[in-house]
Amino acid sequence: MFTARRARKAHILLQTGLLLALIQPCLAQTPKIILSIEARDALPGFRKADEADYLASQMRTSGLKDWSFIAASTPSIPPRDRIEWHFELEPYAGSGVRQFFPMPGVQKIFGARYRITAEAMLYLDDEYQTLVFGQATIAGGAQDEGLADFVSHMTKDLLGEKGAYRSIDMRPAAAGKP
């Protein structure tokens, strides 16, 4: 009886150990923070409804393991943990000012290019944390590799190991110092 009880305990411990061995890798891969992605302004080559999905998918490819990215389901009600993207077309001869030479012919040969300015603002628990700013010249649309690289680079600059969020000094101020 005594040996049967020990054998049963050993069997239970072995099963528990195997279960933990199977579950632990899954727990280690679980992201710590899930961020909703919102696009506040128009991005060339996209419908408004597709911008957040595209941005979230490109941000997932940036290789950041502590973060997970999903498109915001209801942009009218901002999620507590989110990144808001703001895009602005820069005024230059290919985008927003009067053309001084026949651009349609040139655009057919070289393709239309847009100079954009982007801001990615991080909010955690509905409080603003930090932002990154960047500029790029893109063709626009989901097939644009330059745009994909730009979004990935901006994501790393915001959340990466040496990014803006990690450089925030979160320590409390020393007592007695202004």
Protein backbone atom coordinates (compact mmCIF):
# COMPACT_ATOMS: atom_id res chain seq x y z
CA MET A 1 0.00 0.00 0.00
CA PHE A 2 2.76 2.43 0.93
CA THR A 3 4.64 1.76 -2.31
CA ALA A 4 1.45 2.00 -4.37
CA ARG A 5 0.73 5.43 -2.85
CA ARG A 6 4.28 6.61 -3.68
CA ALA A 7 4.00 5.24 -7.19
CA ARG A 8 0.71 7.10 -7.65
CA LYS A 9 2.23 10.38 -6.38
CA ALA A 10 5.22 9.91 -8.64
CA HIS A 11 2.91 9.29 -11.59
CA ILE A 12 0.91 12.46 -10.79
CA LEU A 13 4.10 14.50 -10.44
CA LEU A 14 5.36 13.13 -13.75
CA GLN A 15 2.10 14.07 -15.49
CA THR A 16 2.16 17.54 -13.91
CA GLY A 17 5.78 18.01 -15.00
CA LEU A 18 4.96 16.96 -18.55
CA LEU A 19 1.96 19.28 -18.63
CA LEU A 20 4.08 22.20 -17.40
CA ALA A 21 6.77 21.37 -19.95
CA LEU A 22 4.13 21.59 -22.69
CA ILE A 23 2.44 24.75 -21.38
CA GLN A 24 5.54 26.77 -20.44
CA PRO A 25 6.65 27.57 -24.03
CA CYS A 26 3.13 28.81 -24.77
CA LEU A 27 3.19 31.03 -21.68
CA ALA A 28 6.60 32.40 -22.63
CA GLN A 29 5.29 33.39 -26.07
CA THR A 30 2.28 35.25 -24.69
CA PRO A 31 2.76 38.96 -25.34
CA LYS A 32 2.81 41.20 -22.32
CA ILE A 33 0.87 44.11 -23.80
CA ILE A 34 -1.67 44.08 -26.64
CA LEU A 35 -1.83 47.42 -28.45
CA SER A 36 -4.72 48.50 -30.67
CA ILE A 37 -3.63 50.33 -33.80
CA GLU A 38 -5.51 53.36 -35.12
CA ALA A 39 -4.88 55.42 -38.24
CA ARG A 40 -6.26 58.94 -37.82
CA ASP A 41 -5.43 60.31 -41.26
CA ALA A 42 -5.45 59.11 -44.87
CA LEU A 43 -2.54 56.96 -46.03
CA PRO A 44 -1.92 56.98 -49.82
CA GLY A 45 -3.10 53.84 -51.56
CA PHE A 46 -5.46 52.63 -48.81
CA ARG A 47 -9.12 52.80 -48.00
CA LYS A 48 -9.77 54.21 -44.53
CA ALA A 49 -11.13 50.84 -43.36
CA ASP A 50 -7.92 49.00 -44.38
CA GLU A 51 -5.28 51.30 -42.87
CA ALA A 52 -5.31 49.96 -39.30
CA ASP A 53 -5.18 46.34 -40.48
CA TYR A 54 -2.19 47.08 -42.71
CA LEU A 55 -0.34 48.98 -39.99
CA ALA A 56 -0.96 46.24 -37.40
CA SER A 57 0.29 43.52 -39.78
CA GLN A 58 3.46 45.48 -40.61
CA MET A 59 4.09 46.23 -36.93
CA ARG A 60 3.88 42.48 -36.16
CA THR A 61 6.79 41.88 -38.54
CA SER A 62 9.06 44.28 -36.63
CA GLY A 63 10.24 41.44 -34.35
CA LEU A 64 9.22 42.96 -31.00
CA LYS A 65 8.39 40.11 -28.63
CA ASP A 66 6.95 42.09 -25.70
CA TRP A 67 4.16 43.62 -27.77
CA SER A 68 1.23 42.39 -29.82
CA PHE A 69 -0.63 44.52 -32.38
CA ILE A 70 -4.27 44.39 -33.48
CA ALA A 71 -6.35 46.78 -35.54
CA ALA A 72 -8.73 48.88 -33.44
CA SER A 73 -12.26 47.57 -33.85
CA THR A 74 -14.07 50.82 -32.95
CA PRO A 75 -11.86 53.86 -33.56
CA SER A 76 -14.60 56.16 -32.22
CA ILE A 77 -14.03 54.67 -28.73
CA PRO A 78 -10.26 54.67 -28.20
CA PRO A 79 -8.88 51.55 -26.50
CA ARG A 80 -6.85 52.07 -23.30
CA ASP A 81 -3.64 50.60 -24.78
CA ARG A 82 -3.11 51.90 -28.29
CA ILE A 83 -0.87 53.49 -30.88
CA GLU A 84 -2.36 56.33 -32.90
CA TRP A 85 -0.78 56.96 -36.29
CA HIS A 86 -1.06 60.42 -37.87
CA PHE A 87 -0.05 60.87 -41.52
CA GLU A 88 0.35 64.06 -43.50
CA LEU A 89 1.22 64.49 -47.17
CA GLU A 90 4.08 66.92 -47.61
CA PRO A 91 3.63 69.60 -50.26
CA TYR A 92 5.97 68.97 -53.17
CA ALA A 93 5.54 68.64 -56.92
CA GLY A 94 4.45 64.99 -56.71
CA SER A 95 1.93 65.44 -53.92
CA GLY A 96 0.26 68.68 -53.01
CA VAL A 97 1.43 71.75 -54.95
CA ARG A 98 0.98 73.02 -58.45
CA GLN A 99 2.95 71.11 -61.05
CA PHE A 100 5.50 73.08 -63.08
CA PHE A 101 6.03 70.44 -65.74
CA PRO A 102 3.85 67.67 -67.17
CA MET A 103 3.81 65.20 -64.24
CA PRO A 104 1.40 62.57 -65.62
CA GLY A 105 3.96 61.45 -68.21
CA VAL A 106 6.75 61.35 -65.64
CA GLN A 107 4.51 59.47 -63.19
CA LYS A 108 3.77 56.81 -65.80
CA ILE A 109 7.50 56.23 -66.26
CA PHE A 110 8.71 56.46 -62.65
CA GLY A 111 5.47 55.92 -60.71
CA ALA A 112 3.73 58.34 -58.39
CA ARG A 113 5.64 59.00 -55.18
CA TYR A 114 4.40 60.74 -52.05
CA ARG A 115 6.40 62.42 -49.35
CA ILE A 116 4.72 61.71 -46.00
CA THR A 117 5.28 62.74 -42.42
CA ALA A 118 4.16 60.26 -39.77
CA GLU A 119 3.70 60.36 -36.02
CA ALA A 120 3.10 57.26 -33.89
CA MET A 121 1.78 58.12 -30.42
CA LEU A 122 1.78 55.50 -27.64
CA TYR A 123 -0.98 55.41 -25.02
CA LEU A 124 -0.90 52.93 -22.12
CA ASP A 125 -3.83 52.70 -19.74
CA ASP A 126 -5.33 55.63 -21.67
CA GLU A 127 -2.39 57.90 -20.74
CA TYR A 128 -0.07 59.40 -23.33
CA GLN A 129 3.48 58.02 -22.99
CA THR A 130 5.64 59.11 -25.92
CA LEU A 131 5.77 59.45 -29.71
CA VAL A 132 8.10 59.00 -32.64
CA PHE A 133 8.23 61.12 -35.76
CA GLY A 134 9.45 60.18 -39.24
CA GLN A 135 9.36 61.08 -42.91
CA ALA A 136 9.48 58.88 -45.99
CA THR A 137 8.88 58.94 -49.72
CA ILE A 138 6.48 56.15 -50.63
CA ALA A 139 4.45 54.88 -53.55
CA GLY A 140 1.56 53.88 -51.28
CA GLY A 141 -0.56 50.78 -51.11
CA ALA A 142 -0.06 47.38 -49.53
CA GLN A 143 2.60 46.31 -52.06
CA ASP A 144 4.96 49.21 -51.26
CA GLU A 145 8.09 47.75 -49.62
CA GLY A 146 9.31 51.23 -48.69
CA LEU A 147 6.14 51.88 -46.70
CA ALA A 148 6.40 48.48 -44.98
CA ASP A 149 10.02 49.18 -43.99
CA PHE A 150 9.07 52.65 -42.79
CA VAL A 151 6.27 51.34 -40.52
CA SER A 152 8.55 48.61 -39.13
CA HIS A 153 11.36 51.11 -38.48
CA MET A 154 8.99 53.54 -36.75
CA THR A 155 7.66 50.69 -34.57
CA LYS A 156 11.19 49.75 -33.49
CA ASP A 157 11.98 53.40 -32.79
CA LEU A 158 8.90 53.61 -30.57
CA LEU A 159 8.92 50.26 -28.73
CA GLY A 160 12.25 48.59 -29.45
CA GLU A 161 15.14 47.93 -27.07
CA LYS A 162 16.56 51.41 -27.71
CA GLY A 163 13.25 53.03 -28.56
CA ALA A 164 11.48 56.07 -27.20
CA TYR A 165 9.34 54.12 -24.71
CA ARG A 166 12.34 52.37 -23.14
CA SER A 167 14.21 55.66 -22.77
CA ILE A 168 11.52 57.22 -20.56
CA ASP A 169 12.83 57.68 -17.00
CA MET A 170 10.06 56.08 -14.91
CA ARG A 171 11.84 56.48 -11.56
CA PRO A 172 10.24 58.82 -9.05
CA ALA A 173 11.88 62.20 -8.63
CA ALA A 174 14.38 62.45 -5.77
CA ALA A 175 12.94 64.04 -2.61
CA GLY A 176 13.91 67.67 -2.02
CA LYS A 177 15.01 68.33 -5.63
CA PRO A 178 12.89 70.53 -7.90
